[in-house]
Amino acid sequence: MSEIDEKEKVLENYLKELKSVAVAFSAGVDSTFLLKKAKQVLKDNVIAITIKSCFVPKRELNEAIDFCKKENIKHIIIESDVLNVKEIAENPKNRCYFCKKELLKKMMQIAKDNAIDELVEGSNMNDMDDYRPGSQAIAELKIKSPLKYAKLYKQEIRLLSNKLELPTWDKPSFACLASRFVYGETITEEKLEMVDKAEQLLLDMGLKQVRVRIHGEDMARIEIEPNEIEKIVKKENREKIVKSFKEYGFSYVTLDLEGYRMGSMNKF
């Protein structure tokens, strides 16, 4: 048995021990794989819980709904006005801690109401290498992280997802829209909408991994994979992006020549 197969077996055995689980489900690579494995192992003793908020693009919510319907998984959607929480809206450096704790507590109550033993979430081994204050909330609330327990890394999760023919096996990594803001800058629904529209435009143009970081009131900093920079600077594409971004409310549109990198706002 290969190392990756052994890890998958560890994951399956761990899920069996948990008996019934509610999966914090975002429709990303990790939570989709975790939900699929939980369904395989626990059958009807699994539910999915998804947050609906201004931090999550509608396309992600729709993908979560579609997946649960296809897999015949009970799916509960929680609406949350995250910006009503002062510690979240003011966007301190540990914003993710307050946000994660707020949302996980709601999910824990949903799990309890549905007679589910454990709430689980999709952190993997790679998440230990980045600044993730949300991890503190996971630890404090004693939320289980089965992928981390099985010592699975992102690339291994992608390979196993491909074997399971999951649509997310090659899906670009995504973080909530709040991660596009400089720490200390107040997050507003208006700015979130600007970022969401801008990123959707780039995705619709065929770009794979995109981030539109917002600086101040009206400056956009575009991050894409370095090998796609040549495409975005072509005259017709550049003009379309600038025109559209200004319609969304940006006054300045910049391209980060360093390209996409996870956690680039952590330095600000």
Foldseek 3Di string as FASTA:
>chain_A
DDLLVQLLVLLLVVLVVQQAEEEADQLALQSLLSQVSNCVRNPQRYAYEYEDELQHDPVSVVSRVVSCVVSVHHYHYHYDHVCVDVLQQQFALLNLCVSLLVVVVVVVVVCVVVVHRAYAYGDAPVVVVDDGSVVVSCVVVVHHHSRNVSRHDLLSSLVVCVVVVHPNSPAEDDDTLSLLEAGRHGDDSLVSQLQSVLVVVVVVVPFGDWGWRDDPQAETEIAGALVCPVVCPPPVNVVVSCVVSVVSPHPHYHYDNVHDDPPPSSVD
